[in-house]
Amino acid sequence: MHYLPHLAKDRKLKKLLDAAQPVKLKKQKNICLYLCASIMSQQLSVKVADIIYGRFLNLYDGNEPTASQILETAPEVLRSIGLSNAKVQYVRNVAAFELENGMGLKKLSRMDNEDIITYLSAIRGVGRWTVEMLLMFALGREDVFAADDLGLQNAMIHVYKLDRSDRKKFKADMLKISSRWSPYRTYACLHLWRWRDNAPGK
């Protein structure tokens, strides 16, 4: 894989790379639906999140709903599949943003990573971490580092012997290490998650 020679310059990361199969990035076509699914899955196990998402699709006969269809669905119906009041509102916020501003691949492909994070974080209920996951797992961006991801933090603590007692220094140390991986930081994250067996995306 094209990213391996560059990342292998990091000796500690190289040990993980040598012990694992290469990873590939995929792109999703329906960004609005991906974002809705991300919100639904927050703070839930993968199993429970999959069940709720399955119930969500069943509301639309198993088809992927449009933003308009999501907004036309009564909030109490969305609550009935297991979503909290907050998540119902956040999902509706995403659908409304799609209709008003758009988040199609064509539009987002013209933006760099930070522009997309700023653009989509304007949606109430969508934070930086959620958009970083979208950049990696829905847009297939190769150079994303999710510094606030707990699984990634835990992996780097073990691999690089970092200390998180001083949060500011800990984050600075993570960013310094990850800067060596650019322009392939996403792949490094994927390998670290896989090593810890806690990747948040599919």
C-alpha atoms as a PDB file:
ATOM      1  CA  MET A   1       0.000   0.000   0.000  1.00  0.00           C
ATOM      2  CA  HIS A   2       1.170   3.493  -0.889  1.00  0.00           C
ATOM      3  CA  TYR A   3       1.160   4.802   2.712  1.00  0.00           C
ATOM      4  CA  LEU A   4       3.302   2.067   4.259  1.00  0.00           C
ATOM      5  CA  PRO A   5       6.838   3.316   3.379  1.00  0.00           C
ATOM      6  CA  HIS A   6       6.121   6.759   4.813  1.00  0.00           C
ATOM      7  CA  LEU A   7       4.510   5.550   8.058  1.00  0.00           C
ATOM      8  CA  ALA A   8       7.188   2.888   8.527  1.00  0.00           C
ATOM      9  CA  LYS A   9       9.698   5.702   9.176  1.00  0.00           C
ATOM     10  CA  ASP A  10       8.114   5.832  12.637  1.00  0.00           C
ATOM     11  CA  ARG A  11       9.792   2.826  14.275  1.00  0.00           C
ATOM     12  CA  LYS A  12       7.141   2.306  16.944  1.00  0.00           C
ATOM     13  CA  LEU A  13       4.328   2.499  14.425  1.00  0.00           C
ATOM     14  CA  LYS A  14       6.263   0.217  12.054  1.00  0.00           C
ATOM     15  CA  LYS A  15       5.882  -2.647  14.537  1.00  0.00           C
ATOM     16  CA  LEU A  16       2.102  -2.317  14.270  1.00  0.00           C
ATOM     17  CA  LEU A  17       2.238  -2.069  10.481  1.00  0.00           C
ATOM     18  CA  ASP A  18       4.419  -5.170  10.164  1.00  0.00           C
ATOM     19  CA  ALA A  19       1.971  -7.192  12.258  1.00  0.00           C
ATOM     20  CA  ALA A  20      -1.197  -6.151  10.411  1.00  0.00           C
ATOM     21  CA  GLN A  21      -2.843  -6.299   7.013  1.00  0.00           C
ATOM     22  CA  PRO A  22      -2.976  -3.008   5.071  1.00  0.00           C
ATOM     23  CA  VAL A  23      -6.153  -0.945   5.447  1.00  0.00           C
ATOM     24  CA  LYS A  24      -8.252   0.752   2.783  1.00  0.00           C
ATOM     25  CA  LEU A  25     -10.488   3.787   2.887  1.00  0.00           C
ATOM     26  CA  LYS A  26     -14.029   3.738   1.540  1.00  0.00           C
ATOM     27  CA  LYS A  27     -16.339   6.537   0.489  1.00  0.00           C
ATOM     28  CA  GLN A  28     -20.032   6.795   1.342  1.00  0.00           C
ATOM     29  CA  LYS A  29     -22.430   8.482  -1.063  1.00  0.00           C
ATOM     30  CA  ASN A  30     -25.137   9.573   1.372  1.00  0.00           C
ATOM     31  CA  ILE A  31     -23.361  11.977   3.732  1.00  0.00           C
ATOM     32  CA  CYS A  32     -26.574  13.173   5.386  1.00  0.00           C
ATOM     33  CA  LEU A  33     -27.573   9.624   6.299  1.00  0.00           C
ATOM     34  CA  TYR A  34     -24.051   8.793   7.496  1.00  0.00           C
ATOM     35  CA  LEU A  35     -24.158  11.798   9.834  1.00  0.00           C
ATOM     36  CA  CYS A  36     -27.600  10.810  11.140  1.00  0.00           C
ATOM     37  CA  ALA A  37     -26.357   7.263  11.796  1.00  0.00           C
ATOM     38  CA  SER A  38     -23.287   8.647  13.608  1.00  0.00           C
ATOM     39  CA  ILE A  39     -25.501  10.678  15.923  1.00  0.00           C
ATOM     40  CA  MET A  40     -27.748   7.674  16.594  1.00  0.00           C
ATOM     41  CA  SER A  41     -24.756   5.507  17.537  1.00  0.00           C
ATOM     42  CA  GLN A  42     -23.129   7.946  19.975  1.00  0.00           C
ATOM     43  CA  GLN A  43     -22.554   6.486  23.465  1.00  0.00           C
ATOM     44  CA  LEU A  44     -24.012   3.133  22.406  1.00  0.00           C
ATOM     45  CA  SER A  45     -22.422  -0.265  21.813  1.00  0.00           C
ATOM     46  CA  VAL A  46     -22.041  -1.285  18.172  1.00  0.00           C
ATOM     47  CA  LYS A  47     -24.701  -3.967  18.644  1.00  0.00           C
ATOM     48  CA  VAL A  48     -27.329  -1.611  20.086  1.00  0.00           C
ATOM     49  CA  ALA A  49     -26.492   1.088  17.519  1.00  0.00           C
ATOM     50  CA  ASP A  50     -26.993  -1.402  14.671  1.00  0.00           C
ATOM     51  CA  ILE A  51     -30.392  -2.433  16.080  1.00  0.00           C
ATOM     52  CA  ILE A  52     -31.588   1.185  16.323  1.00  0.00           C
ATOM     53  CA  TYR A  53     -30.313   2.033  12.851  1.00  0.00           C
ATOM     54  CA  GLY A  54     -32.123  -1.038  11.495  1.00  0.00           C
ATOM     55  CA  ARG A  55     -35.354   0.166  13.126  1.00  0.00           C
ATOM     56  CA  PHE A  56     -34.747   3.603  11.600  1.00  0.00           C
ATOM     57  CA  LEU A  57     -34.459   2.179   8.076  1.00  0.00           C
ATOM     58  CA  ASN A  58     -37.554   0.032   8.676  1.00  0.00           C
ATOM     59  CA  LEU A  59     -39.538   3.251   9.089  1.00  0.00           C
ATOM     60  CA  TYR A  60     -38.872   3.757   5.379  1.00  0.00           C
ATOM     61  CA  ASP A  61     -39.419   0.139   4.260  1.00  0.00           C
ATOM     62  CA  GLY A  62     -35.690  -0.592   4.459  1.00  0.00           C
ATOM     63  CA  ASN A  63     -34.768   2.198   2.047  1.00  0.00           C
ATOM     64  CA  GLU A  64     -32.425   5.096   2.707  1.00  0.00           C
ATOM     65  CA  PRO A  65     -34.639   8.093   3.519  1.00  0.00           C
ATOM     66  CA  THR A  66     -34.150  11.518   2.019  1.00  0.00           C
ATOM     67  CA  ALA A  67     -33.657  14.550   4.244  1.00  0.00           C
ATOM     68  CA  SER A  68     -37.242  15.574   3.482  1.00  0.00           C
ATOM     69  CA  GLN A  69     -38.579  12.180   4.566  1.00  0.00           C
ATOM     70  CA  ILE A  70     -36.654  12.383   7.843  1.00  0.00           C
ATOM     71  CA  LEU A  71     -38.130  15.817   8.595  1.00  0.00           C
ATOM     72  CA  GLU A  72     -41.609  14.576   7.693  1.00  0.00           C
ATOM     73  CA  THR A  73     -41.275  11.787  10.269  1.00  0.00           C
ATOM     74  CA  ALA A  74     -42.942  12.791  13.539  1.00  0.00           C
ATOM     75  CA  PRO A  75     -40.499  13.194  16.458  1.00  0.00           C
ATOM     76  CA  GLU A  76     -42.496  10.694  18.550  1.00  0.00           C
ATOM     77  CA  VAL A  77     -42.015   8.086  15.806  1.00  0.00           C
ATOM     78  CA  LEU A  78     -38.256   8.631  15.932  1.00  0.00           C
ATOM     79  CA  ARG A  79     -38.355   8.369  19.720  1.00  0.00           C
ATOM     80  CA  SER A  80     -40.246   5.083  19.432  1.00  0.00           C
ATOM     81  CA  ILE A  81     -37.228   3.354  17.806  1.00  0.00           C
ATOM     82  CA  GLY A  82     -35.054   4.106  20.841  1.00  0.00           C
ATOM     83  CA  LEU A  83     -33.692   7.606  20.220  1.00  0.00           C
ATOM     84  CA  SER A  84     -33.479  10.146  23.037  1.00  0.00           C
ATOM     85  CA  ASN A  85     -35.186  13.515  22.685  1.00  0.00           C
ATOM     86  CA  ALA A  86     -31.787  15.124  22.078  1.00  0.00           C
ATOM     87  CA  LYS A  87     -30.819  12.647  19.350  1.00  0.00           C
ATOM     88  CA  VAL A  88     -34.190  13.082  17.629  1.00  0.00           C
ATOM     89  CA  GLN A  89     -33.567  16.832  17.485  1.00  0.00           C
ATOM     90  CA  TYR A  90     -29.972  16.401  16.290  1.00  0.00           C
ATOM     91  CA  VAL A  91     -31.016  14.021  13.497  1.00  0.00           C
ATOM     92  CA  ARG A  92     -33.664  16.520  12.433  1.00  0.00           C
ATOM     93  CA  ASN A  93     -31.035  19.285  12.561  1.00  0.00           C
ATOM     94  CA  VAL A  94     -28.836  17.315  10.140  1.00  0.00           C
ATOM     95  CA  ALA A  95     -31.735  16.753   7.743  1.00  0.00           C
ATOM     96  CA  ALA A  96     -32.709  20.440   7.866  1.00  0.00           C
ATOM     97  CA  PHE A  97     -29.102  21.501   7.215  1.00  0.00           C
ATOM     98  CA  GLU A  98     -28.939  19.174   4.204  1.00  0.00           C
ATOM     99  CA  LEU A  99     -32.057  20.763   2.721  1.00  0.00           C
ATOM    100  CA  GLU A 100     -31.024  24.340   3.459  1.00  0.00           C
ATOM    101  CA  ASN A 101     -27.277  24.222   2.760  1.00  0.00           C
ATOM    102  CA  GLY A 102     -26.383  20.844   1.248  1.00  0.00           C
ATOM    103  CA  MET A 103     -23.681  18.335   2.161  1.00  0.00           C
ATOM    104  CA  GLY A 104     -23.319  16.317  -1.012  1.00  0.00           C
ATOM    105  CA  LEU A 105     -20.013  14.773  -2.085  1.00  0.00           C
ATOM    106  CA  LYS A 106     -19.622  17.307  -4.885  1.00  0.00           C
ATOM    107  CA  LYS A 107     -19.923  20.233  -2.480  1.00  0.00           C
ATOM    108  CA  LEU A 108     -17.699  18.752   0.241  1.00  0.00           C
ATOM    109  CA  SER A 109     -15.039  17.605  -2.236  1.00  0.00           C
ATOM    110  CA  ARG A 110     -14.254  21.259  -2.940  1.00  0.00           C
ATOM    111  CA  MET A 111     -13.452  21.904   0.734  1.00  0.00           C
ATOM    112  CA  ASP A 112     -10.369  21.005   2.739  1.00  0.00           C
ATOM    113  CA  ASN A 113     -10.681  19.080   6.007  1.00  0.00           C
ATOM    114  CA  GLU A 114     -10.809  22.068   8.354  1.00  0.00           C
ATOM    115  CA  ASP A 115     -13.369  23.818   6.158  1.00  0.00           C
ATOM    116  CA  ILE A 116     -15.617  20.743   6.324  1.00  0.00           C
ATOM    117  CA  ILE A 117     -15.206  20.545  10.114  1.00  0.00           C
ATOM    118  CA  THR A 118     -16.199  24.217  10.443  1.00  0.00           C
ATOM    119  CA  TYR A 119     -19.082  23.837   7.968  1.00  0.00           C
ATOM    120  CA  LEU A 120     -20.711  20.750   9.498  1.00  0.00           C
ATOM    121  CA  SER A 121     -19.950  21.625  13.143  1.00  0.00           C
ATOM    122  CA  ALA A 122     -22.393  24.496  12.690  1.00  0.00           C
ATOM    123  CA  ILE A 123     -25.134  21.843  12.999  1.00  0.00           C
ATOM    124  CA  ARG A 124     -26.306  21.627  16.625  1.00  0.00           C
ATOM    125  CA  GLY A 125     -25.457  18.107  17.820  1.00  0.00           C
ATOM    126  CA  VAL A 126     -22.488  17.650  15.484  1.00  0.00           C
ATOM    127  CA  GLY A 127     -19.028  18.163  16.996  1.00  0.00           C
ATOM    128  CA  ARG A 128     -15.484  18.059  15.707  1.00  0.00           C
ATOM    129  CA  TRP A 129     -14.986  14.349  16.530  1.00  0.00           C
ATOM    130  CA  THR A 130     -18.117  13.365  14.589  1.00  0.00           C
ATOM    131  CA  VAL A 131     -16.942  15.287  11.526  1.00  0.00           C
ATOM    132  CA  GLU A 132     -13.441  13.803  11.807  1.00  0.00           C
ATOM    133  CA  MET A 133     -14.997  10.332  11.709  1.00  0.00           C
ATOM    134  CA  LEU A 134     -17.000  11.408   8.674  1.00  0.00           C
ATOM    135  CA  LEU A 135     -13.847  12.663   6.952  1.00  0.00           C
ATOM    136  CA  MET A 136     -12.183   9.284   7.508  1.00  0.00           C
ATOM    137  CA  PHE A 137     -15.014   6.810   7.044  1.00  0.00           C
ATOM    138  CA  ALA A 138     -17.395   8.590   4.660  1.00  0.00           C
ATOM    139  CA  LEU A 139     -15.163  10.879   2.590  1.00  0.00           C
ATOM    140  CA  GLY A 140     -12.033   8.718   2.596  1.00  0.00           C
ATOM    141  CA  ARG A 141      -9.710  11.608   3.474  1.00  0.00           C
ATOM    142  CA  GLU A 142      -6.174  10.302   4.007  1.00  0.00           C
ATOM    143  CA  ASP A 143      -4.766  12.928   6.358  1.00  0.00           C
ATOM    144  CA  VAL A 144      -7.057  13.189   9.403  1.00  0.00           C
ATOM    145  CA  PHE A 145      -6.021  12.869  13.051  1.00  0.00           C
ATOM    146  CA  ALA A 146      -8.723  12.636  15.726  1.00  0.00           C
ATOM    147  CA  ALA A 147      -6.833  13.853  18.788  1.00  0.00           C
ATOM    148  CA  ASP A 148      -9.902  13.740  21.049  1.00  0.00           C
ATOM    149  CA  ASP A 149     -10.722  10.094  20.328  1.00  0.00           C
ATOM    150  CA  LEU A 150     -10.363   8.058  23.515  1.00  0.00           C
ATOM    151  CA  GLY A 151      -9.428   4.826  21.739  1.00  0.00           C
ATOM    152  CA  LEU A 152      -6.695   6.596  19.811  1.00  0.00           C
ATOM    153  CA  GLN A 153      -5.422   8.248  22.976  1.00  0.00           C
ATOM    154  CA  ASN A 154      -5.252   4.893  24.779  1.00  0.00           C
ATOM    155  CA  ALA A 155      -3.401   3.285  21.873  1.00  0.00           C
ATOM    156  CA  MET A 156      -0.832   6.085  21.715  1.00  0.00           C
ATOM    157  CA  ILE A 157      -0.311   5.978  25.495  1.00  0.00           C
ATOM    158  CA  HIS A 158       0.695   2.322  25.159  1.00  0.00           C
ATOM    159  CA  VAL A 159       2.699   2.539  21.929  1.00  0.00           C
ATOM    160  CA  TYR A 160       4.509   5.807  22.677  1.00  0.00           C
ATOM    161  CA  LYS A 161       4.543   5.643  26.507  1.00  0.00           C
ATOM    162  CA  LEU A 162       2.710   8.950  26.812  1.00  0.00           C
ATOM    163  CA  ASP A 163       1.401  10.401  30.072  1.00  0.00           C
ATOM    164  CA  ARG A 164      -2.071  11.977  30.069  1.00  0.00           C
ATOM    165  CA  SER A 165      -1.858  13.510  33.589  1.00  0.00           C
ATOM    166  CA  ASP A 166      -1.085  16.903  32.026  1.00  0.00           C
ATOM    167  CA  ARG A 167      -3.838  17.099  29.389  1.00  0.00           C
ATOM    168  CA  LYS A 168      -2.364  20.062  27.520  1.00  0.00           C
ATOM    169  CA  LYS A 169       1.088  18.453  27.221  1.00  0.00           C
ATOM    170  CA  PHE A 170      -0.474  15.083  26.371  1.00  0.00           C
ATOM    171  CA  LYS A 171      -2.390  16.549  23.436  1.00  0.00           C
ATOM    172  CA  ALA A 172       0.670  18.478  22.269  1.00  0.00           C
ATOM    173  CA  ASP A 173       2.720  15.257  22.372  1.00  0.00           C
ATOM    174  CA  MET A 174       0.066  13.430  20.339  1.00  0.00           C
ATOM    175  CA  LEU A 175      -0.045  16.172  17.720  1.00  0.00           C
ATOM    176  CA  LYS A 176       3.749  16.275  17.476  1.00  0.00           C
ATOM    177  CA  ILE A 177       3.948  12.513  16.907  1.00  0.00           C
ATOM    178  CA  SER A 178       1.064  12.521  14.434  1.00  0.00           C
ATOM    179  CA  SER A 179       2.596  15.355  12.409  1.00  0.00           C
ATOM    180  CA  ARG A 180       5.289  12.878  11.282  1.00  0.00           C
ATOM    181  CA  TRP A 181       2.582  10.708   9.713  1.00  0.00           C
ATOM    182  CA  SER A 182       1.205  13.426   7.451  1.00  0.00           C
ATOM    183  CA  PRO A 183      -0.060  13.164   4.688  1.00  0.00           C
ATOM    184  CA  TYR A 184      -1.294   9.698   5.755  1.00  0.00           C
ATOM    185  CA  ARG A 185      -2.489  10.282   9.312  1.00  0.00           C
ATOM    186  CA  THR A 186      -5.824   8.547   8.730  1.00  0.00           C
ATOM    187  CA  TYR A 187      -4.077   5.250   7.974  1.00  0.00           C
ATOM    188  CA  ALA A 188      -1.992   5.552  11.134  1.00  0.00           C
ATOM    189  CA  CYS A 189      -5.202   6.080  13.140  1.00  0.00           C
ATOM    190  CA  LEU A 190      -6.791   3.032  11.531  1.00  0.00           C
ATOM    191  CA  HIS A 191      -3.823   0.844  12.435  1.00  0.00           C
ATOM    192  CA  LEU A 192      -3.746   2.149  15.993  1.00  0.00           C
ATOM    193  CA  TRP A 193      -7.484   1.507  16.397  1.00  0.00           C
ATOM    194  CA  ARG A 194      -7.151  -1.935  14.923  1.00  0.00           C
ATOM    195  CA  TRP A 195      -4.296  -2.668  17.305  1.00  0.00           C
ATOM    196  CA  ARG A 196      -6.519  -1.657  20.216  1.00  0.00           C
ATOM    197  CA  ASP A 197      -9.527  -3.306  18.567  1.00  0.00           C
ATOM    198  CA  ASN A 198     -11.740  -0.295  19.113  1.00  0.00           C
ATOM    199  CA  ALA A 199     -12.195   1.407  15.760  1.00  0.00           C
ATOM    200  CA  PRO A 200     -15.282   3.666  15.860  1.00  0.00           C
ATOM    201  CA  GLY A 201     -15.975   3.363  12.134  1.00  0.00           C
ATOM    202  CA  LYS A 202     -16.749   0.494   9.813  1.00  0.00           C
END
